[in-house]
Amino acid sequence: MDPRHNALRRTLDADTPAFGVLDNTYSPAAVEVVGELGFDFVWIDLEHGGPSPWDADALEDLLRAAELTDTELLVRIPEANPAMIRKALDAGVRNVFLSRVESADEVRIAVEAANFEYAGSPGRRGLGGPRSARYGLADDYVGTEDAEILLGVTIETAEAVENIDEILSVPELGFAFLGPNDFSVAYGAPGDLADPEVQAAVEAVHDAALAHDVTLGGLTFGMEDAVEKVESGYRLLHVGSTLGALTKTFDGWHDRYEDATR
């Protein structure tokens, strides 16, 4: 059986923008629809909601929906826990996204956990015959798996900004995703993305990622903002959420109906 391939990693390796949608319904049907619409990835956030990050059965159902429509899951787990990383990868996740990392040591331990070999030495990925290995049927699983895994981090605290150069210097770090909402909390201005300290943190991480040649990810707020972010060097871009689309469509419907029937 042929080894699996990570289309998202290939897109980013080619320095091509990748666009995705956050599915906060945690529904295989929603993942399938997003994939049919041609998006590069579906972000499954296990930090702020959804099933337990240890629930491999739930992840596998979401993965099957993604695989059916040739999109990739980007799964954010709530902590840089090596055992949790290995669990997600063995379920078949190829793209793992770590929350609230603050040091290079955290990132290095996480990347080691995601690889069989790392920086010329043995990694700390467990070797078995799980779903990621097609239950032991994949050809050259060990020889190809490390090249198909993408592990990234969320930069969303003041400590992470202070340590950004060391974090971005960790070998095999796949991407750094900016978290401006959490920056606003970290810098004492909850919800104010225009706060000068928040803006300075965003600019510092943006500039550092480009300097270190690490893929930069972030949120977009409308088409004009998406275009501007691509032009400024972002390559992994969130364009909205499934629940956000629902509320945008149906919020105020009753008021509009009342206006239409007067």
C-alpha atoms as a PDB file:
ATOM      1  CA  MET A   1       0.000   0.000   0.000  1.00  0.00           C
ATOM      2  CA  ASP A   2       1.393   3.407  -0.981  1.00  0.00           C
ATOM      3  CA  PRO A   3       2.560   5.678   1.835  1.00  0.00           C
ATOM      4  CA  ARG A   4       0.399   8.664   2.663  1.00  0.00           C
ATOM      5  CA  HIS A   5       1.200  12.140   1.397  1.00  0.00           C
ATOM      6  CA  ASN A   6       0.647  15.509   3.034  1.00  0.00           C
ATOM      7  CA  ALA A   7      -0.746  17.927   0.455  1.00  0.00           C
ATOM      8  CA  LEU A   8      -0.635  20.847   2.901  1.00  0.00           C
ATOM      9  CA  ARG A   9       3.070  20.400   3.564  1.00  0.00           C
ATOM     10  CA  ARG A  10       3.745  20.250  -0.169  1.00  0.00           C
ATOM     11  CA  THR A  11       1.780  23.459  -0.742  1.00  0.00           C
ATOM     12  CA  LEU A  12       3.707  25.301   1.956  1.00  0.00           C
ATOM     13  CA  ASP A  13       7.069  23.863   0.838  1.00  0.00           C
ATOM     14  CA  ALA A  14       6.331  25.373  -2.575  1.00  0.00           C
ATOM     15  CA  ASP A  15       5.826  28.790  -0.899  1.00  0.00           C
ATOM     16  CA  THR A  16       2.212  28.785  -2.056  1.00  0.00           C
ATOM     17  CA  PRO A  17      -0.529  30.217   0.188  1.00  0.00           C
ATOM     18  CA  ALA A  18      -2.785  27.650   1.859  1.00  0.00           C
ATOM     19  CA  PHE A  19      -6.290  28.679   2.890  1.00  0.00           C
ATOM     20  CA  GLY A  20      -8.459  26.922   5.435  1.00  0.00           C
ATOM     21  CA  VAL A  21     -11.596  27.041   7.550  1.00  0.00           C
ATOM     22  CA  LEU A  22     -12.003  26.398  11.259  1.00  0.00           C
ATOM     23  CA  ASP A  23     -14.671  23.751  11.807  1.00  0.00           C
ATOM     24  CA  ASN A  24     -16.043  24.441  15.263  1.00  0.00           C
ATOM     25  CA  THR A  25     -18.960  22.052  14.809  1.00  0.00           C
ATOM     26  CA  TYR A  26     -16.531  19.095  14.882  1.00  0.00           C
ATOM     27  CA  SER A  27     -18.685  17.417  12.254  1.00  0.00           C
ATOM     28  CA  PRO A  28     -17.380  15.044   9.566  1.00  0.00           C
ATOM     29  CA  ALA A  29     -20.106  16.410   7.282  1.00  0.00           C
ATOM     30  CA  ALA A  30     -18.817  19.961   7.755  1.00  0.00           C
ATOM     31  CA  VAL A  31     -15.243  18.831   7.072  1.00  0.00           C
ATOM     32  CA  GLU A  32     -16.449  17.117   3.927  1.00  0.00           C
ATOM     33  CA  VAL A  33     -18.250  20.255   2.702  1.00  0.00           C
ATOM     34  CA  VAL A  34     -15.204  22.466   3.337  1.00  0.00           C
ATOM     35  CA  GLY A  35     -13.079  19.992   1.420  1.00  0.00           C
ATOM     36  CA  GLU A  36     -15.532  19.944  -1.480  1.00  0.00           C
ATOM     37  CA  LEU A  37     -15.285  23.754  -1.593  1.00  0.00           C
ATOM     38  CA  GLY A  38     -11.588  23.409  -2.391  1.00  0.00           C
ATOM     39  CA  PHE A  39      -9.918  24.629   0.790  1.00  0.00           C
ATOM     40  CA  ASP A  40      -6.441  23.370   1.589  1.00  0.00           C
ATOM     41  CA  PHE A  41      -7.119  22.540   5.220  1.00  0.00           C
ATOM     42  CA  VAL A  42      -9.766  22.288   7.912  1.00  0.00           C
ATOM     43  CA  TRP A  43      -8.652  23.518  11.321  1.00  0.00           C
ATOM     44  CA  ILE A  44      -9.882  21.341  14.170  1.00  0.00           C
ATOM     45  CA  ASP A  45      -9.273  23.171  17.442  1.00  0.00           C
ATOM     46  CA  LEU A  46      -9.081  20.845  20.443  1.00  0.00           C
ATOM     47  CA  GLU A  47      -7.856  23.642  22.731  1.00  0.00           C
ATOM     48  CA  HIS A  48     -11.074  25.633  23.045  1.00  0.00           C
ATOM     49  CA  GLY A  49     -13.676  22.938  22.404  1.00  0.00           C
ATOM     50  CA  GLY A  50     -14.538  19.711  20.670  1.00  0.00           C
ATOM     51  CA  PRO A  51     -13.799  16.142  21.674  1.00  0.00           C
ATOM     52  CA  SER A  52     -11.008  15.155  24.018  1.00  0.00           C
ATOM     53  CA  PRO A  53      -7.602  15.341  22.303  1.00  0.00           C
ATOM     54  CA  TRP A  54      -7.154  11.745  23.455  1.00  0.00           C
ATOM     55  CA  ASP A  55     -10.277  10.620  21.550  1.00  0.00           C
ATOM     56  CA  ALA A  56      -8.743   8.878  18.537  1.00  0.00           C
ATOM     57  CA  ASP A  57     -12.139   7.586  17.360  1.00  0.00           C
ATOM     58  CA  ALA A  58     -13.479  11.138  16.946  1.00  0.00           C
ATOM     59  CA  LEU A  59     -10.324  12.224  15.129  1.00  0.00           C
ATOM     60  CA  GLU A  60     -10.464   9.240  12.808  1.00  0.00           C
ATOM     61  CA  ASP A  61     -14.003  10.091  11.674  1.00  0.00           C
ATOM     62  CA  LEU A  62     -12.954  13.688  10.919  1.00  0.00           C
ATOM     63  CA  LEU A  63      -9.871  12.421   9.093  1.00  0.00           C
ATOM     64  CA  ARG A  64     -11.895  10.072   6.905  1.00  0.00           C
ATOM     65  CA  ALA A  65     -14.079  13.001   5.819  1.00  0.00           C
ATOM     66  CA  ALA A  66     -10.988  15.057   4.986  1.00  0.00           C
ATOM     67  CA  GLU A  67      -9.371  12.228   3.053  1.00  0.00           C
ATOM     68  CA  LEU A  68     -12.527  11.713   1.019  1.00  0.00           C
ATOM     69  CA  THR A  69     -12.333  15.264  -0.316  1.00  0.00           C
ATOM     70  CA  ASP A  70      -8.532  15.642  -0.575  1.00  0.00           C
ATOM     71  CA  THR A  71      -8.195  18.274   2.105  1.00  0.00           C
ATOM     72  CA  GLU A  72      -5.990  18.130   5.201  1.00  0.00           C
ATOM     73  CA  LEU A  73      -6.870  18.398   8.857  1.00  0.00           C
ATOM     74  CA  LEU A  74      -4.852  20.890  10.888  1.00  0.00           C
ATOM     75  CA  VAL A  75      -5.368  19.716  14.465  1.00  0.00           C
ATOM     76  CA  ARG A  76      -4.548  22.029  17.351  1.00  0.00           C
ATOM     77  CA  ILE A  77      -3.944  20.243  20.627  1.00  0.00           C
ATOM     78  CA  PRO A  78      -4.150  22.078  23.960  1.00  0.00           C
ATOM     79  CA  GLU A  79      -0.580  21.551  25.124  1.00  0.00           C
ATOM     80  CA  ALA A  80       2.839  20.528  23.851  1.00  0.00           C
ATOM     81  CA  ASN A  81       2.437  17.069  25.357  1.00  0.00           C
ATOM     82  CA  PRO A  82       4.639  14.465  23.585  1.00  0.00           C
ATOM     83  CA  ALA A  83       2.247  11.603  24.333  1.00  0.00           C
ATOM     84  CA  MET A  84      -0.693  13.628  22.986  1.00  0.00           C
ATOM     85  CA  ILE A  85       1.271  14.463  19.829  1.00  0.00           C
ATOM     86  CA  ARG A  86       2.068  10.807  19.226  1.00  0.00           C
ATOM     87  CA  LYS A  87      -1.562   9.837  19.828  1.00  0.00           C
ATOM     88  CA  ALA A  88      -2.818  12.328  17.218  1.00  0.00           C
ATOM     89  CA  LEU A  89      -0.204  11.312  14.657  1.00  0.00           C
ATOM     90  CA  ASP A  90      -0.912   7.611  15.099  1.00  0.00           C
ATOM     91  CA  ALA A  91      -4.621   8.288  14.517  1.00  0.00           C
ATOM     92  CA  GLY A  92      -3.638   9.625  11.112  1.00  0.00           C
ATOM     93  CA  VAL A  93      -3.254  13.366  11.707  1.00  0.00           C
ATOM     94  CA  ARG A  94      -0.438  14.761   9.587  1.00  0.00           C
ATOM     95  CA  ASN A  95      -0.583  18.397  10.673  1.00  0.00           C
ATOM     96  CA  VAL A  96      -0.309  19.119  14.396  1.00  0.00           C
ATOM     97  CA  PHE A  97      -0.652  22.586  15.823  1.00  0.00           C
ATOM     98  CA  LEU A  98       0.561  23.288  19.399  1.00  0.00           C
ATOM     99  CA  SER A  99      -1.070  25.823  21.698  1.00  0.00           C
ATOM    100  CA  ARG A 100       0.692  28.393  23.877  1.00  0.00           C
ATOM    101  CA  VAL A 101       4.305  27.339  23.425  1.00  0.00           C
ATOM    102  CA  GLU A 102       6.724  29.706  25.123  1.00  0.00           C
ATOM    103  CA  SER A 103      10.212  28.236  24.757  1.00  0.00           C
ATOM    104  CA  ALA A 104      12.490  26.539  22.274  1.00  0.00           C
ATOM    105  CA  ASP A 105      12.831  23.543  24.624  1.00  0.00           C
ATOM    106  CA  GLU A 106       9.075  22.900  24.455  1.00  0.00           C
ATOM    107  CA  VAL A 107       9.168  22.997  20.670  1.00  0.00           C
ATOM    108  CA  ARG A 108      12.234  20.782  20.399  1.00  0.00           C
ATOM    109  CA  ILE A 109      10.702  18.111  22.643  1.00  0.00           C
ATOM    110  CA  ALA A 110       7.494  18.240  20.592  1.00  0.00           C
ATOM    111  CA  VAL A 111       9.274  17.906  17.250  1.00  0.00           C
ATOM    112  CA  GLU A 112      11.336  15.011  18.580  1.00  0.00           C
ATOM    113  CA  ALA A 113       8.089  13.290  19.619  1.00  0.00           C
ATOM    114  CA  ALA A 114       6.741  13.692  16.078  1.00  0.00           C
ATOM    115  CA  ASN A 115       9.706  12.125  14.287  1.00  0.00           C
ATOM    116  CA  PHE A 116      11.394   8.737  14.043  1.00  0.00           C
ATOM    117  CA  GLU A 117      14.670  10.523  13.314  1.00  0.00           C
ATOM    118  CA  TYR A 118      15.467  14.069  14.341  1.00  0.00           C
ATOM    119  CA  ALA A 119      18.506  16.277  13.687  1.00  0.00           C
ATOM    120  CA  GLY A 120      20.672  13.281  12.868  1.00  0.00           C
ATOM    121  CA  SER A 121      19.676  11.344  15.993  1.00  0.00           C
ATOM    122  CA  PRO A 122      16.854   8.982  16.934  1.00  0.00           C
ATOM    123  CA  GLY A 123      13.526  10.721  17.448  1.00  0.00           C
ATOM    124  CA  ARG A 124      10.907   9.868  20.030  1.00  0.00           C
ATOM    125  CA  ARG A 125       7.993   8.791  17.841  1.00  0.00           C
ATOM    126  CA  GLY A 126       6.585   5.410  18.782  1.00  0.00           C
ATOM    127  CA  LEU A 127       6.674   2.663  16.150  1.00  0.00           C
ATOM    128  CA  GLY A 128       3.669   0.419  15.751  1.00  0.00           C
ATOM    129  CA  GLY A 129       1.017  -0.397  13.187  1.00  0.00           C
ATOM    130  CA  PRO A 130      -1.651   2.249  13.854  1.00  0.00           C
ATOM    131  CA  ARG A 131      -3.940   3.987  11.373  1.00  0.00           C
ATOM    132  CA  SER A 132      -1.117   6.293  10.236  1.00  0.00           C
ATOM    133  CA  ALA A 133       0.714   3.165   9.046  1.00  0.00           C
ATOM    134  CA  ARG A 134      -2.443   1.907   7.341  1.00  0.00           C
ATOM    135  CA  TYR A 135      -2.560  -0.694  10.105  1.00  0.00           C
ATOM    136  CA  GLY A 136       0.884  -1.963   9.140  1.00  0.00           C
ATOM    137  CA  LEU A 137       0.142  -2.187   5.402  1.00  0.00           C
ATOM    138  CA  ALA A 138       1.802   1.050   4.202  1.00  0.00           C
ATOM    139  CA  ASP A 139       4.925   0.689   2.102  1.00  0.00           C
ATOM    140  CA  ASP A 140       8.071   2.218   3.669  1.00  0.00           C
ATOM    141  CA  TYR A 141       6.153   3.837   6.523  1.00  0.00           C
ATOM    142  CA  VAL A 142       9.273   4.617   8.553  1.00  0.00           C
ATOM    143  CA  GLY A 143      11.177   5.859   5.510  1.00  0.00           C
ATOM    144  CA  THR A 144       8.502   8.330   4.433  1.00  0.00           C
ATOM    145  CA  GLU A 145       6.562   9.347   7.523  1.00  0.00           C
ATOM    146  CA  ASP A 146       8.888  12.023   8.885  1.00  0.00           C
ATOM    147  CA  ALA A 147       8.769  13.896   5.566  1.00  0.00           C
ATOM    148  CA  GLU A 148       4.956  13.974   5.667  1.00  0.00           C
ATOM    149  CA  ILE A 149       4.493  15.413   9.164  1.00  0.00           C
ATOM    150  CA  LEU A 150       4.006  19.146   9.712  1.00  0.00           C
ATOM    151  CA  LEU A 151       4.259  20.394  13.271  1.00  0.00           C
ATOM    152  CA  GLY A 152       3.638  24.054  14.054  1.00  0.00           C
ATOM    153  CA  VAL A 153       3.175  26.323  17.026  1.00  0.00           C
ATOM    154  CA  THR A 154       0.857  29.114  18.077  1.00  0.00           C
ATOM    155  CA  ILE A 155       2.680  32.257  19.179  1.00  0.00           C
ATOM    156  CA  GLU A 156       0.219  33.942  21.522  1.00  0.00           C
ATOM    157  CA  THR A 157       1.928  35.008  24.756  1.00  0.00           C
ATOM    158  CA  ALA A 158       4.382  37.709  25.757  1.00  0.00           C
ATOM    159  CA  GLU A 159       6.890  35.020  26.786  1.00  0.00           C
ATOM    160  CA  ALA A 160       6.753  33.471  23.319  1.00  0.00           C
ATOM    161  CA  VAL A 161       7.436  36.859  21.744  1.00  0.00           C
ATOM    162  CA  GLU A 162      10.435  37.359  24.006  1.00  0.00           C
ATOM    163  CA  ASN A 163      11.790  33.943  22.965  1.00  0.00           C
ATOM    164  CA  ILE A 164      10.734  34.107  19.332  1.00  0.00           C
ATOM    165  CA  ASP A 165      14.198  33.851  17.744  1.00  0.00           C
ATOM    166  CA  GLU A 166      15.071  30.752  19.771  1.00  0.00           C
ATOM    167  CA  ILE A 167      11.679  29.165  19.033  1.00  0.00           C
ATOM    168  CA  LEU A 168      11.963  29.774  15.305  1.00  0.00           C
ATOM    169  CA  SER A 169      15.501  28.327  15.266  1.00  0.00           C
ATOM    170  CA  VAL A 170      14.318  24.829  16.260  1.00  0.00           C
ATOM    171  CA  PRO A 171      15.023  22.460  13.343  1.00  0.00           C
ATOM    172  CA  GLU A 172      11.993  21.021  11.534  1.00  0.00           C
ATOM    173  CA  LEU A 173       9.522  23.524  12.964  1.00  0.00           C
ATOM    174  CA  GLY A 174       6.823  23.575  10.294  1.00  0.00           C
ATOM    175  CA  PHE A 175       5.136  26.919  10.925  1.00  0.00           C
ATOM    176  CA  ALA A 176       4.404  29.660  13.440  1.00  0.00           C
ATOM    177  CA  PHE A 177       0.804  30.859  13.710  1.00  0.00           C
ATOM    178  CA  LEU A 178       0.087  34.265  15.207  1.00  0.00           C
ATOM    179  CA  GLY A 179      -2.563  34.485  17.927  1.00  0.00           C
ATOM    180  CA  PRO A 180      -3.557  38.170  18.150  1.00  0.00           C
ATOM    181  CA  ASN A 181      -6.603  37.526  20.339  1.00  0.00           C
ATOM    182  CA  ASP A 182      -4.493  35.966  23.070  1.00  0.00           C
ATOM    183  CA  PHE A 183      -1.883  38.686  22.578  1.00  0.00           C
ATOM    184  CA  SER A 184      -4.580  41.183  23.512  1.00  0.00           C
ATOM    185  CA  VAL A 185      -5.088  39.341  26.803  1.00  0.00           C
ATOM    186  CA  ALA A 186      -1.352  38.953  27.408  1.00  0.00           C
ATOM    187  CA  TYR A 187      -0.749  42.666  26.971  1.00  0.00           C
ATOM    188  CA  GLY A 188      -3.664  43.774  29.127  1.00  0.00           C
ATOM    189  CA  ALA A 189      -6.087  44.829  26.387  1.00  0.00           C
ATOM    190  CA  PRO A 190      -8.556  41.931  25.995  1.00  0.00           C
ATOM    191  CA  GLY A 191     -10.247  42.046  22.590  1.00  0.00           C
ATOM    192  CA  ASP A 192      -8.396  45.152  21.377  1.00  0.00           C
ATOM    193  CA  LEU A 193      -6.340  43.967  18.421  1.00  0.00           C
ATOM    194  CA  ALA A 194      -5.404  47.566  17.611  1.00  0.00           C
ATOM    195  CA  ASP A 195      -3.621  48.045  20.936  1.00  0.00           C
ATOM    196  CA  PRO A 196      -0.057  49.287  20.264  1.00  0.00           C
ATOM    197  CA  GLU A 197       1.582  46.493  22.264  1.00  0.00           C
ATOM    198  CA  VAL A 198      -0.484  43.869  20.457  1.00  0.00           C
ATOM    199  CA  GLN A 199       0.435  45.374  17.105  1.00  0.00           C
ATOM    200  CA  ALA A 200       4.110  45.486  18.089  1.00  0.00           C
ATOM    201  CA  ALA A 201       4.033  41.811  19.092  1.00  0.00           C
ATOM    202  CA  VAL A 202       2.394  40.838  15.792  1.00  0.00           C
ATOM    203  CA  GLU A 203       4.997  42.783  13.837  1.00  0.00           C
ATOM    204  CA  ALA A 204       7.875  41.284  15.840  1.00  0.00           C
ATOM    205  CA  VAL A 205       6.736  37.710  15.185  1.00  0.00           C
ATOM    206  CA  HIS A 206       5.974  38.466  11.525  1.00  0.00           C
ATOM    207  CA  ASP A 207       9.446  39.898  10.948  1.00  0.00           C
ATOM    208  CA  ALA A 208      11.183  37.102  12.861  1.00  0.00           C
ATOM    209  CA  ALA A 209       9.357  34.366  10.931  1.00  0.00           C
ATOM    210  CA  LEU A 210      10.363  35.877   7.598  1.00  0.00           C
ATOM    211  CA  ALA A 211      13.956  36.322   8.805  1.00  0.00           C
ATOM    212  CA  HIS A 212      14.157  32.674   9.918  1.00  0.00           C
ATOM    213  CA  ASP A 213      12.357  31.415   6.792  1.00  0.00           C
ATOM    214  CA  VAL A 214       9.635  29.756   8.885  1.00  0.00           C
ATOM    215  CA  THR A 215       6.149  29.571   7.397  1.00  0.00           C
ATOM    216  CA  LEU A 216       3.911  32.222   8.944  1.00  0.00           C
ATOM    217  CA  GLY A 217       0.231  31.631   9.651  1.00  0.00           C
ATOM    218  CA  GLY A 218      -2.559  33.848  10.835  1.00  0.00           C
ATOM    219  CA  LEU A 219      -6.201  34.873  10.890  1.00  0.00           C
ATOM    220  CA  THR A 220      -7.727  36.905   8.065  1.00  0.00           C
ATOM    221  CA  PHE A 221     -10.593  39.364   8.340  1.00  0.00           C
ATOM    222  CA  GLY A 222     -12.152  39.607   4.897  1.00  0.00           C
ATOM    223  CA  MET A 223     -10.792  39.266   1.377  1.00  0.00           C
ATOM    224  CA  GLU A 224      -8.821  42.513   1.356  1.00  0.00           C
ATOM    225  CA  ASP A 225      -7.021  41.493   4.551  1.00  0.00           C
ATOM    226  CA  ALA A 226      -6.307  38.012   3.132  1.00  0.00           C
ATOM    227  CA  VAL A 227      -4.698  39.512   0.040  1.00  0.00           C
ATOM    228  CA  GLU A 228      -2.644  41.934   2.136  1.00  0.00           C
ATOM    229  CA  LYS A 229      -1.431  39.161   4.416  1.00  0.00           C
ATOM    230  CA  VAL A 230      -0.316  36.981   1.500  1.00  0.00           C
ATOM    231  CA  GLU A 231       1.528  39.955   0.024  1.00  0.00           C
ATOM    232  CA  SER A 232       3.261  40.547   3.377  1.00  0.00           C
ATOM    233  CA  GLY A 233       4.496  36.957   3.649  1.00  0.00           C
ATOM    234  CA  TYR A 234       1.767  34.927   5.357  1.00  0.00           C
ATOM    235  CA  ARG A 235       1.297  31.483   3.828  1.00  0.00           C
ATOM    236  CA  LEU A 236      -1.061  29.573   6.177  1.00  0.00           C
ATOM    237  CA  LEU A 237      -4.309  31.507   6.371  1.00  0.00           C
ATOM    238  CA  HIS A 238      -7.552  30.972   8.287  1.00  0.00           C
ATOM    239  CA  VAL A 239     -10.457  32.560   6.393  1.00  0.00           C
ATOM    240  CA  GLY A 240     -13.408  31.899   8.709  1.00  0.00           C
ATOM    241  CA  SER A 241     -15.312  29.267  10.634  1.00  0.00           C
ATOM    242  CA  THR A 242     -18.306  27.030  10.068  1.00  0.00           C
ATOM    243  CA  LEU A 243     -20.221  28.438  13.038  1.00  0.00           C
ATOM    244  CA  GLY A 244     -19.237  31.946  11.990  1.00  0.00           C
ATOM    245  CA  ALA A 245     -20.756  31.292   8.571  1.00  0.00           C
ATOM    246  CA  LEU A 246     -23.962  30.066  10.212  1.00  0.00           C
ATOM    247  CA  THR A 247     -24.319  33.090  12.466  1.00  0.00           C
ATOM    248  CA  LYS A 248     -23.504  35.506   9.635  1.00  0.00           C
ATOM    249  CA  THR A 249     -26.186  33.889   7.489  1.00  0.00           C
ATOM    250  CA  PHE A 250     -28.961  33.625  10.073  1.00  0.00           C
ATOM    251  CA  ASP A 251     -28.294  36.364  12.611  1.00  0.00           C
ATOM    252  CA  GLY A 252     -31.108  38.907  12.388  1.00  0.00           C
ATOM    253  CA  TRP A 253     -33.264  36.712  10.155  1.00  0.00           C
ATOM    254  CA  HIS A 254     -36.412  37.302  12.220  1.00  0.00           C
ATOM    255  CA  ASP A 255     -35.905  41.064  12.109  1.00  0.00           C
ATOM    256  CA  ARG A 256     -35.460  40.924   8.345  1.00  0.00           C
ATOM    257  CA  TYR A 257     -38.612  38.838   8.040  1.00  0.00           C
ATOM    258  CA  GLU A 258     -40.543  41.358  10.098  1.00  0.00           C
ATOM    259  CA  ASP A 259     -39.259  44.186   7.897  1.00  0.00           C
ATOM    260  CA  ALA A 260     -40.207  42.270   4.750  1.00  0.00           C
ATOM    261  CA  THR A 261     -43.789  41.616   5.888  1.00  0.00           C
ATOM    262  CA  ARG A 262     -44.716  45.103   7.097  1.00  0.00           C
END
